[in-house]
PDB file of N, CA and C in Angstrom:
ATOM      1  N   PRO A   1     -12.542 -45.307 104.865  1.00  0.00           N
ATOM      2  CA  PRO A   1     -12.344 -44.240 105.815  1.00  0.00           C
ATOM      3  C   PRO A   1     -11.166 -43.373 105.408  1.00  0.00           C
ATOM      4  N   GLY A   2     -11.265 -42.113 105.760  1.00  0.00           N
ATOM      5  CA  GLY A   2     -10.180 -41.199 105.519  1.00  0.00           C
ATOM      6  C   GLY A   2     -10.225 -40.524 104.163  1.00  0.00           C
ATOM      7  N   GLU A   3     -11.178 -40.847 103.318  1.00  0.00           N
ATOM      8  CA  GLU A   3     -11.258 -40.187 102.020  1.00  0.00           C
ATOM      9  C   GLU A   3     -11.830 -38.790 102.196  1.00  0.00           C
ATOM     10  N   ASP A   4     -11.502 -37.926 101.279  1.00  0.00           N
ATOM     11  CA  ASP A   4     -11.933 -36.536 101.338  1.00  0.00           C
ATOM     12  C   ASP A   4     -13.429 -36.426 101.056  1.00  0.00           C
ATOM     13  N   ALA A   5     -14.107 -35.570 101.800  1.00  0.00           N
ATOM     14  CA  ALA A   5     -15.541 -35.384 101.615  1.00  0.00           C
ATOM     15  C   ALA A   5     -15.861 -34.752 100.273  1.00  0.00           C
ATOM     16  N   ALA A   6     -14.950 -33.955  99.710  1.00  0.00           N
ATOM     17  CA  ALA A   6     -15.201 -33.326  98.416  1.00  0.00           C
ATOM     18  C   ALA A   6     -15.290 -34.352  97.291  1.00  0.00           C
ATOM     19  N   THR A   7     -14.739 -35.538  97.500  1.00  0.00           N
ATOM     20  CA  THR A   7     -14.803 -36.572  96.478  1.00  0.00           C
ATOM     21  C   THR A   7     -15.999 -37.491  96.676  1.00  0.00           C
ATOM     22  N   GLY A   8     -16.721 -37.317  97.772  1.00  0.00           N
ATOM     23  CA  GLY A   8     -17.881 -38.163  98.021  1.00  0.00           C
ATOM     24  C   GLY A   8     -17.515 -39.534  98.542  1.00  0.00           C
ATOM     25  N   GLY A   9     -16.326 -39.665  99.117  1.00  0.00           N
ATOM     26  CA  GLY A   9     -15.851 -40.944  99.647  1.00  0.00           C
ATOM     27  C   GLY A   9     -16.634 -41.354 100.875  1.00  0.00           C
ATOM     28  N   PRO A  10     -16.255 -42.461 101.496  1.00  0.00           N
ATOM     29  CA  PRO A  10     -16.974 -42.998 102.651  1.00  0.00           C
ATOM     30  C   PRO A  10     -17.091 -42.027 103.825  1.00  0.00           C
ATOM     31  N   SER A  11     -16.130 -41.105 103.978  1.00  0.00           N
ATOM     32  CA  SER A  11     -16.218 -40.202 105.120  1.00  0.00           C
ATOM     33  C   SER A  11     -17.064 -38.963 104.817  1.00  0.00           C
ATOM     34  N   ALA A  12     -17.650 -38.895 103.623  1.00  0.00           N
ATOM     35  CA  ALA A  12     -18.473 -37.746 103.258  1.00  0.00           C
ATOM     36  C   ALA A  12     -19.745 -37.724 104.105  1.00  0.00           C
ATOM     37  N   THR A  13     -20.148 -36.528 104.477  1.00  0.00           N
ATOM     38  CA  THR A  13     -21.374 -36.363 105.254  1.00  0.00           C
ATOM     39  C   THR A  13     -22.237 -35.301 104.598  1.00  0.00           C
ATOM     40  N   GLY A  14     -23.365 -35.032 105.176  1.00  0.00           N
ATOM     41  CA  GLY A  14     -24.217 -33.964 104.677  1.00  0.00           C
ATOM     42  C   GLY A  14     -24.910 -34.335 103.389  1.00  0.00           C
ATOM     43  N   LEU A  15     -25.192 -33.306 102.588  1.00  0.00           N
ATOM     44  CA  LEU A  15     -25.941 -33.515 101.356  1.00  0.00           C
ATOM     45  C   LEU A  15     -25.215 -34.403 100.356  1.00  0.00           C
ATOM     46  N   LEU A  16     -23.883 -34.309 100.301  1.00  0.00           N
ATOM     47  CA  LEU A  16     -23.154 -35.139  99.345  1.00  0.00           C
ATOM     48  C   LEU A  16     -23.283 -36.623  99.649  1.00  0.00           C
ATOM     49  N   ARG A  17     -23.459 -36.965 100.900  1.00  0.00           N
ATOM     50  CA  ARG A  17     -23.586 -38.365 101.265  1.00  0.00           C
ATOM     51  C   ARG A  17     -24.923 -38.938 100.774  1.00  0.00           C
ATOM     52  N   LEU A  18     -25.932 -38.082 100.654  1.00  0.00           N
ATOM     53  CA  LEU A  18     -27.241 -38.560 100.223  1.00  0.00           C
ATOM     54  C   LEU A  18     -27.214 -39.094  98.800  1.00  0.00           C
ATOM     55  N   HIS A  19     -26.479 -38.413  97.935  1.00  0.00           N
ATOM     56  CA  HIS A  19     -26.416 -38.845  96.552  1.00  0.00           C
ATOM     57  C   HIS A  19     -25.071 -38.416  95.971  1.00  0.00           C
ATOM     58  N   ALA A  20     -24.234 -39.358  95.635  1.00  0.00           N
ATOM     59  CA  ALA A  20     -22.857 -39.075  95.230  1.00  0.00           C
ATOM     60  C   ALA A  20     -22.777 -38.217  93.974  1.00  0.00           C
ATOM     61  N   THR A  21     -23.743 -38.303  93.095  1.00  0.00           N
ATOM     62  CA  THR A  21     -23.669 -37.519  91.860  1.00  0.00           C
ATOM     63  C   THR A  21     -24.059 -36.059  92.068  1.00  0.00           C
ATOM     64  N   GLN A  22     -24.558 -35.736  93.222  1.00  0.00           N
ATOM     65  CA  GLN A  22     -24.972 -34.356  93.458  1.00  0.00           C
ATOM     66  C   GLN A  22     -23.812 -33.387  93.338  1.00  0.00           C
ATOM     67  N   ARG A  23     -22.630 -33.821  93.669  1.00  0.00           N
ATOM     68  CA  ARG A  23     -21.484 -32.914  93.606  1.00  0.00           C
ATOM     69  C   ARG A  23     -21.234 -32.451  92.175  1.00  0.00           C
ATOM     70  N   HIS A  24     -21.688 -33.205  91.179  1.00  0.00           N
ATOM     71  CA  HIS A  24     -21.533 -32.787  89.795  1.00  0.00           C
ATOM     72  C   HIS A  24     -22.611 -31.797  89.386  1.00  0.00           C
ATOM     73  N   ASP A  25     -23.732 -31.816  90.053  1.00  0.00           N
ATOM     74  CA  ASP A  25     -24.849 -30.939  89.718  1.00  0.00           C
ATOM     75  C   ASP A  25     -24.822 -29.641  90.501  1.00  0.00           C
ATOM     76  N   PHE A  26     -24.214 -29.641  91.660  1.00  0.00           N
ATOM     77  CA  PHE A  26     -24.226 -28.470  92.541  1.00  0.00           C
ATOM     78  C   PHE A  26     -23.116 -27.513  92.148  1.00  0.00           C
ATOM     79  N   LYS A  27     -23.463 -26.261  91.879  1.00  0.00           N
ATOM     80  CA  LYS A  27     -22.475 -25.230  91.569  1.00  0.00           C
ATOM     81  C   LYS A  27     -22.832 -23.969  92.335  1.00  0.00           C
ATOM     82  N   VAL A  28     -21.811 -23.285  92.796  1.00  0.00           N
ATOM     83  CA  VAL A  28     -21.962 -21.981  93.424  1.00  0.00           C
ATOM     84  C   VAL A  28     -21.351 -20.993  92.440  1.00  0.00           C
ATOM     85  N   TYR A  29     -22.088 -19.965  92.093  1.00  0.00           N
ATOM     86  CA  TYR A  29     -21.592 -18.980  91.138  1.00  0.00           C
ATOM     87  C   TYR A  29     -20.932 -17.836  91.877  1.00  0.00           C
ATOM     88  N   SER A  30     -19.833 -17.365  91.295  1.00  0.00           N
ATOM     89  CA  SER A  30     -19.019 -16.343  91.935  1.00  0.00           C
ATOM     90  C   SER A  30     -18.453 -15.411  90.867  1.00  0.00           C
ATOM     91  N   SER A  31     -18.052 -14.240  91.294  1.00  0.00           N
ATOM     92  CA  SER A  31     -17.306 -13.382  90.380  1.00  0.00           C
ATOM     93  C   SER A  31     -15.919 -13.983  90.217  1.00  0.00           C
ATOM     94  N   ASP A  32     -15.118 -13.384  89.353  1.00  0.00           N
ATOM     95  CA  ASP A  32     -13.791 -13.947  89.105  1.00  0.00           C
ATOM     96  C   ASP A  32     -12.736 -13.438  90.085  1.00  0.00           C
ATOM     97  N   GLU A  33     -13.157 -12.704  91.101  1.00  0.00           N
ATOM     98  CA  GLU A  33     -12.220 -12.212  92.118  1.00  0.00           C
ATOM     99  C   GLU A  33     -11.909 -13.341  93.110  1.00  0.00           C
ATOM    100  N   GLY A  34     -10.629 -13.522  93.399  1.00  0.00           N
ATOM    101  CA  GLY A  34     -10.180 -14.638  94.228  1.00  0.00           C
ATOM    102  C   GLY A  34     -10.817 -14.723  95.593  1.00  0.00           C
ATOM    103  N   ARG A  35     -10.925 -13.586  96.304  1.00  0.00           N
ATOM    104  CA  ARG A  35     -11.484 -13.648  97.659  1.00  0.00           C
ATOM    105  C   ARG A  35     -12.965 -14.005  97.626  1.00  0.00           C
ATOM    106  N   VAL A  36     -13.657 -13.608  96.573  1.00  0.00           N
ATOM    107  CA  VAL A  36     -15.074 -13.952  96.434  1.00  0.00           C
ATOM    108  C   VAL A  36     -15.225 -15.437  96.131  1.00  0.00           C
ATOM    109  N   GLN A  37     -14.318 -15.976  95.330  1.00  0.00           N
ATOM    110  CA  GLN A  37     -14.344 -17.411  95.046  1.00  0.00           C
ATOM    111  C   GLN A  37     -14.095 -18.220  96.306  1.00  0.00           C
ATOM    112  N   MET A  38     -13.172 -17.779  97.144  1.00  0.00           N
ATOM    113  CA  MET A  38     -12.895 -18.501  98.393  1.00  0.00           C
ATOM    114  C   MET A  38     -14.089 -18.409  99.344  1.00  0.00           C
ATOM    115  N   SER A  39     -14.765 -17.259  99.355  1.00  0.00           N
ATOM    116  CA  SER A  39     -15.985 -17.132 100.168  1.00  0.00           C
ATOM    117  C   SER A  39     -17.053 -18.086  99.667  1.00  0.00           C
ATOM    118  N   ALA A  40     -17.177 -18.212  98.357  1.00  0.00           N
ATOM    119  CA  ALA A  40     -18.151 -19.141  97.771  1.00  0.00           C
ATOM    120  C   ALA A  40     -17.797 -20.580  98.131  1.00  0.00           C
ATOM    121  N   ALA A  41     -16.515 -20.904  98.119  1.00  0.00           N
ATOM    122  CA  ALA A  41     -16.074 -22.254  98.491  1.00  0.00           C
ATOM    123  C   ALA A  41     -16.377 -22.526  99.967  1.00  0.00           C
ATOM    124  N   ALA A  42     -16.147 -21.518 100.816  1.00  0.00           N
ATOM    125  CA  ALA A  42     -16.453 -21.686 102.247  1.00  0.00           C
ATOM    126  C   ALA A  42     -17.953 -21.877 102.453  1.00  0.00           C
ATOM    127  N   PHE A  43     -18.761 -21.139 101.694  1.00  0.00           N
ATOM    128  CA  PHE A  43     -20.214 -21.304 101.761  1.00  0.00           C
ATOM    129  C   PHE A  43     -20.605 -22.731 101.365  1.00  0.00           C
ATOM    130  N   ALA A  44     -20.035 -23.221 100.264  1.00  0.00           N
ATOM    131  CA  ALA A  44     -20.355 -24.581  99.801  1.00  0.00           C
ATOM    132  C   ALA A  44     -19.914 -25.614 100.834  1.00  0.00           C
ATOM    133  N   ARG A  45     -18.742 -25.400 101.432  1.00  0.00           N
ATOM    134  CA  ARG A  45     -18.250 -26.335 102.447  1.00  0.00           C
ATOM    135  C   ARG A  45     -19.218 -26.393 103.630  1.00  0.00           C
ATOM    136  N   GLY A  46     -19.707 -25.237 104.077  1.00  0.00           N
ATOM    137  CA  GLY A  46     -20.651 -25.214 105.190  1.00  0.00           C
ATOM    138  C   GLY A  46     -21.997 -25.796 104.825  1.00  0.00           C
ATOM    139  N   LEU A  47     -22.504 -25.439 103.650  1.00  0.00           N
ATOM    140  CA  LEU A  47     -23.819 -25.921 103.223  1.00  0.00           C
ATOM    141  C   LEU A  47     -23.831 -27.435 103.048  1.00  0.00           C
ATOM    142  N   LEU A  48     -22.785 -27.955 102.447  1.00  0.00           N
ATOM    143  CA  LEU A  48     -22.724 -29.384 102.172  1.00  0.00           C
ATOM    144  C   LEU A  48     -22.044 -30.187 103.276  1.00  0.00           C
ATOM    145  N   ASP A  49     -21.640 -29.500 104.335  1.00  0.00           N
ATOM    146  CA  ASP A  49     -20.993 -30.149 105.477  1.00  0.00           C
ATOM    147  C   ASP A  49     -19.779 -30.953 105.037  1.00  0.00           C
ATOM    148  N   LEU A  50     -18.920 -30.303 104.238  1.00  0.00           N
ATOM    149  CA  LEU A  50     -17.713 -30.964 103.743  1.00  0.00           C
ATOM    150  C   LEU A  50     -16.617 -30.875 104.771  1.00  0.00           C
ATOM    151  N   GLU A  51     -15.769 -31.878 104.796  1.00  0.00           N
ATOM    152  CA  GLU A  51     -14.642 -31.906 105.715  1.00  0.00           C
ATOM    153  C   GLU A  51     -13.398 -31.429 104.985  1.00  0.00           C
ATOM    154  N   GLY A  52     -12.343 -31.156 105.716  1.00  0.00           N
ATOM    155  CA  GLY A  52     -11.076 -30.777 105.120  1.00  0.00           C
ATOM    156  C   GLY A  52     -10.758 -29.323 105.392  1.00  0.00           C
ATOM    157  N   GLY A  53      -9.486 -29.012 105.455  1.00  0.00           N
ATOM    158  CA  GLY A  53      -9.065 -27.674 105.795  1.00  0.00           C
ATOM    159  C   GLY A  53      -8.901 -26.757 104.603  1.00  0.00           C
ATOM    160  N   SER A  54      -8.591 -27.303 103.438  1.00  0.00           N
ATOM    161  CA  SER A  54      -8.302 -26.466 102.279  1.00  0.00           C
ATOM    162  C   SER A  54      -9.561 -26.190 101.468  1.00  0.00           C
ATOM    163  N   LEU A  55      -9.727 -24.932 101.093  1.00  0.00           N
ATOM    164  CA  LEU A  55     -10.871 -24.558 100.267  1.00  0.00           C
ATOM    165  C   LEU A  55     -10.579 -24.721  98.778  1.00  0.00           C
ATOM    166  N   THR A  56      -9.310 -24.864  98.426  1.00  0.00           N
ATOM    167  CA  THR A  56      -8.935 -24.909  97.011  1.00  0.00           C
ATOM    168  C   THR A  56      -9.624 -26.036  96.248  1.00  0.00           C
ATOM    169  N   PRO A  57      -9.636 -27.292  96.753  1.00  0.00           N
ATOM    170  CA  PRO A  57     -10.329 -28.347  95.999  1.00  0.00           C
ATOM    171  C   PRO A  57     -11.829 -28.094  95.862  1.00  0.00           C
ATOM    172  N   ILE A  58     -12.420 -27.513  96.879  1.00  0.00           N
ATOM    173  CA  ILE A  58     -13.847 -27.200  96.824  1.00  0.00           C
ATOM    174  C   ILE A  58     -14.085 -26.108  95.799  1.00  0.00           C
ATOM    175  N   CYS A  59     -13.198 -25.127  95.778  1.00  0.00           N
ATOM    176  CA  CYS A  59     -13.306 -24.022  94.823  1.00  0.00           C
ATOM    177  C   CYS A  59     -13.225 -24.550  93.394  1.00  0.00           C
ATOM    178  N   VAL A  60     -12.292 -25.452  93.153  1.00  0.00           N
ATOM    179  CA  VAL A  60     -12.103 -26.006  91.813  1.00  0.00           C
ATOM    180  C   VAL A  60     -13.312 -26.844  91.394  1.00  0.00           C
ATOM    181  N   ALA A  61     -13.831 -27.638  92.312  1.00  0.00           N
ATOM    182  CA  ALA A  61     -14.903 -28.577  91.978  1.00  0.00           C
ATOM    183  C   ALA A  61     -16.294 -27.947  91.946  1.00  0.00           C
ATOM    184  N   LEU A  62     -16.560 -26.989  92.812  1.00  0.00           N
ATOM    185  CA  LEU A  62     -17.944 -26.533  92.986  1.00  0.00           C
ATOM    186  C   LEU A  62     -18.200 -25.068  92.676  1.00  0.00           C
ATOM    187  N   VAL A  63     -17.151 -24.263  92.535  1.00  0.00           N
ATOM    188  CA  VAL A  63     -17.357 -22.830  92.308  1.00  0.00           C
ATOM    189  C   VAL A  63     -17.187 -22.519  90.835  1.00  0.00           C
ATOM    190  N   GLU A  64     -18.217 -21.962  90.255  1.00  0.00           N
ATOM    191  CA  GLU A  64     -18.235 -21.592  88.845  1.00  0.00           C
ATOM    192  C   GLU A  64     -18.120 -20.074  88.754  1.00  0.00           C
ATOM    193  N   THR A  65     -17.197 -19.596  87.933  1.00  0.00           N
ATOM    194  CA  THR A  65     -17.040 -18.151  87.792  1.00  0.00           C
ATOM    195  C   THR A  65     -17.623 -17.685  86.472  1.00  0.00           C
ATOM    196  N   ASP A  66     -18.375 -16.612  86.553  1.00  0.00           N
ATOM    197  CA  ASP A  66     -18.962 -16.005  85.362  1.00  0.00           C
ATOM    198  C   ASP A  66     -19.172 -14.533  85.670  1.00  0.00           C
ATOM    199  N   SER A  67     -18.170 -13.735  85.369  1.00  0.00           N
ATOM    200  CA  SER A  67     -18.224 -12.322  85.720  1.00  0.00           C
ATOM    201  C   SER A  67     -19.352 -11.596  84.992  1.00  0.00           C
ATOM    202  N   GLN A  68     -19.663 -12.010  83.795  1.00  0.00           N
ATOM    203  CA  GLN A  68     -20.738 -11.365  83.043  1.00  0.00           C
ATOM    204  C   GLN A  68     -22.103 -11.577  83.713  1.00  0.00           C
ATOM    205  N   MET A  69     -22.337 -12.797  84.183  1.00  0.00           N
ATOM    206  CA  MET A  69     -23.628 -13.112  84.783  1.00  0.00           C
ATOM    207  C   MET A  69     -23.872 -12.304  86.054  1.00  0.00           C
ATOM    208  N   LEU A  70     -22.853 -12.173  86.886  1.00  0.00           N
ATOM    209  CA  LEU A  70     -23.038 -11.511  88.168  1.00  0.00           C
ATOM    210  C   LEU A  70     -23.122  -9.998  88.043  1.00  0.00           C
ATOM    211  N   ASP A  71     -22.555  -9.431  86.993  1.00  0.00           N
ATOM    212  CA  ASP A  71     -22.574  -7.985  86.821  1.00  0.00           C
ATOM    213  C   ASP A  71     -23.790  -7.496  86.053  1.00  0.00           C
ATOM    214  N   ASP A  72     -24.573  -8.384  85.520  1.00  0.00           N
ATOM    215  CA  ASP A  72     -25.737  -8.010  84.739  1.00  0.00           C
ATOM    216  C   ASP A  72     -26.927  -7.781  85.670  1.00  0.00           C
ATOM    217  N   LEU A  73     -27.152  -6.531  85.981  1.00  0.00           N
ATOM    218  CA  LEU A  73     -28.232  -6.167  86.899  1.00  0.00           C
ATOM    219  C   LEU A  73     -29.163  -5.193  86.182  1.00  0.00           C
ATOM    220  N   PRO A  74     -30.417  -5.515  86.068  1.00  0.00           N
ATOM    221  CA  PRO A  74     -31.331  -4.607  85.383  1.00  0.00           C
ATOM    222  C   PRO A  74     -31.421  -3.265  86.121  1.00  0.00           C
ATOM    223  N   SER A  75     -31.446  -2.203  85.375  1.00  0.00           N
ATOM    224  CA  SER A  75     -31.503  -0.870  85.994  1.00  0.00           C
ATOM    225  C   SER A  75     -32.794  -0.683  86.785  1.00  0.00           C
ATOM    226  N   ALA A  76     -33.829  -1.414  86.452  1.00  0.00           N
ATOM    227  CA  ALA A  76     -35.092  -1.313  87.188  1.00  0.00           C
ATOM    228  C   ALA A  76     -34.945  -1.800  88.626  1.00  0.00           C
ATOM    229  N   ALA A  77     -33.948  -2.627  88.885  1.00  0.00           N
ATOM    230  CA  ALA A  77     -33.751  -3.167  90.240  1.00  0.00           C
ATOM    231  C   ALA A  77     -33.014  -2.194  91.154  1.00  0.00           C
ATOM    232  N   LEU A  78     -32.310  -1.239  90.591  1.00  0.00           N
ATOM    233  CA  LEU A  78     -31.479  -0.340  91.399  1.00  0.00           C
ATOM    234  C   LEU A  78     -32.240   0.418  92.485  1.00  0.00           C
ATOM    235  N   PRO A  79     -33.428   0.979  92.221  1.00  0.00           N
ATOM    236  CA  PRO A  79     -34.156   1.657  93.309  1.00  0.00           C
ATOM    237  C   PRO A  79     -34.520   0.714  94.464  1.00  0.00           C
ATOM    238  N   PHE A  80     -34.864  -0.521  94.150  1.00  0.00           N
ATOM    239  CA  PHE A  80     -35.209  -1.504  95.183  1.00  0.00           C
ATOM    240  C   PHE A  80     -33.983  -1.860  96.013  1.00  0.00           C
ATOM    241  N   ILE A  81     -32.856  -2.008  95.352  1.00  0.00           N
ATOM    242  CA  ILE A  81     -31.608  -2.323  96.056  1.00  0.00           C
ATOM    243  C   ILE A  81     -31.230  -1.177  96.987  1.00  0.00           C
ATOM    244  N   GLU A  82     -31.342   0.041  96.508  1.00  0.00           N
ATOM    245  CA  GLU A  82     -31.002   1.209  97.338  1.00  0.00           C
ATOM    246  C   GLU A  82     -31.926   1.306  98.546  1.00  0.00           C
ATOM    247  N   GLU A  83     -33.198   1.034  98.361  1.00  0.00           N
ATOM    248  CA  GLU A  83     -34.153   1.055  99.468  1.00  0.00           C
ATOM    249  C   GLU A  83     -33.790   0.018 100.530  1.00  0.00           C
ATOM    250  N   GLU A  84     -33.438  -1.181 100.096  1.00  0.00           N
ATOM    251  CA  GLU A  84     -33.068  -2.227 101.039  1.00  0.00           C
ATOM    252  C   GLU A  84     -31.753  -1.923 101.738  1.00  0.00           C
ATOM    253  N   LYS A  85     -30.820  -1.305 101.039  1.00  0.00           N
ATOM    254  CA  LYS A  85     -29.562  -0.894 101.660  1.00  0.00           C
ATOM    255  C   LYS A  85     -29.827   0.082 102.793  1.00  0.00           C
ATOM    256  N   GLN A  86     -30.729   1.022 102.550  1.00  0.00           N
ATOM    257  CA  GLN A  86     -31.063   2.002 103.586  1.00  0.00           C
ATOM    258  C   GLN A  86     -31.703   1.326 104.796  1.00  0.00           C
ATOM    259  N   LYS A  87     -32.582   0.367 104.559  1.00  0.00           N
ATOM    260  CA  LYS A  87     -33.200  -0.368 105.668  1.00  0.00           C
ATOM    261  C   LYS A  87     -32.148  -1.125 106.465  1.00  0.00           C
ATOM    262  N   LEU A  88     -31.249  -1.806 105.757  1.00  0.00           N
ATOM    263  CA  LEU A  88     -30.196  -2.563 106.441  1.00  0.00           C
ATOM    264  C   LEU A  88     -29.285  -1.644 107.242  1.00  0.00           C
ATOM    265  N   TYR A  89     -28.910  -0.518 106.657  1.00  0.00           N
ATOM    266  CA  TYR A  89     -28.036   0.423 107.358  1.00  0.00           C
ATOM    267  C   TYR A  89     -28.703   0.923 108.636  1.00  0.00           C
ATOM    268  N   ALA A  90     -29.993   1.274 108.525  1.00  0.00           N
ATOM    269  CA  ALA A  90     -30.724   1.739 109.705  1.00  0.00           C
ATOM    270  C   ALA A  90     -30.772   0.650 110.776  1.00  0.00           C
ATOM    271  N   ARG A  91     -30.942  -0.566 110.345  1.00  0.00           N
ATOM    272  CA  ARG A  91     -31.040  -1.689 111.285  1.00  0.00           C
ATOM    273  C   ARG A  91     -29.715  -1.962 112.006  1.00  0.00           C
ATOM    274  N   ILE A  92     -28.615  -1.932 111.267  1.00  0.00           N
ATOM    275  CA  ILE A  92     -27.341  -2.277 111.890  1.00  0.00           C
ATOM    276  C   ILE A  92     -26.719  -1.114 112.672  1.00  0.00           C
ATOM    277  N   THR A  93     -27.228   0.093 112.464  1.00  0.00           N
ATOM    278  CA  THR A  93     -26.661   1.233 113.192  1.00  0.00           C
ATOM    279  C   THR A  93     -27.534   1.689 114.355  1.00  0.00           C
ATOM    280  N   GLN A  94     -28.661   1.066 114.553  1.00  0.00           N
ATOM    281  CA  GLN A  94     -29.502   1.471 115.688  1.00  0.00           C
ATOM    282  C   GLN A  94     -28.914   0.962 116.993  1.00  0.00           C
ATOM    283  N   PRO A  95     -29.136   1.667 118.073  1.00  0.00           N
ATOM    284  CA  PRO A  95     -28.606   1.247 119.382  1.00  0.00           C
ATOM    285  C   PRO A  95     -29.137  -0.141 119.775  1.00  0.00           C
ATOM    286  N   PRO A  96     -28.333  -0.929 120.500  1.00  0.00           N
ATOM    287  CA  PRO A  96     -28.747  -2.288 120.874  1.00  0.00           C
ATOM    288  C   PRO A  96     -30.031  -2.342 121.682  1.00  0.00           C
ATOM    289  N   ASP A  97     -30.329  -1.326 122.462  1.00  0.00           N
ATOM    290  CA  ASP A  97     -31.548  -1.362 123.268  1.00  0.00           C
ATOM    291  C   ASP A  97     -32.807  -1.184 122.462  1.00  0.00           C
ATOM    292  N   GLU A  98     -32.693  -0.783 121.184  1.00  0.00           N
ATOM    293  CA  GLU A  98     -33.855  -0.617 120.304  1.00  0.00           C
ATOM    294  C   GLU A  98     -34.122  -1.839 119.442  1.00  0.00           C
ATOM    295  N   VAL A  99     -33.262  -2.841 119.525  1.00  0.00           N
ATOM    296  CA  VAL A  99     -33.414  -4.021 118.665  1.00  0.00           C
ATOM    297  C   VAL A  99     -34.544  -4.881 119.118  1.00  0.00           C
TER     298      VAL A  99
END
């Protein structure tokens, strides 16, 4: 009892409790910007139901940074992304009574 969930100790819950080696296989990819890495760590903490207040150990263990991978977007995808952005903008700016 009392061990950190990020290490897969006895107090671990969620997906990590199902299989202790999963923490070595699970990675969240992030850009190399610090706030994005912390967001990725918070996402991993929520998804895996990890305990603990600090995101730093989760960031070190589960967040993989690869700025090249995340910035590589095919130009063919840009029109689709722009279309979806317009849909999202219309959705979030419409009056509440129209939702």
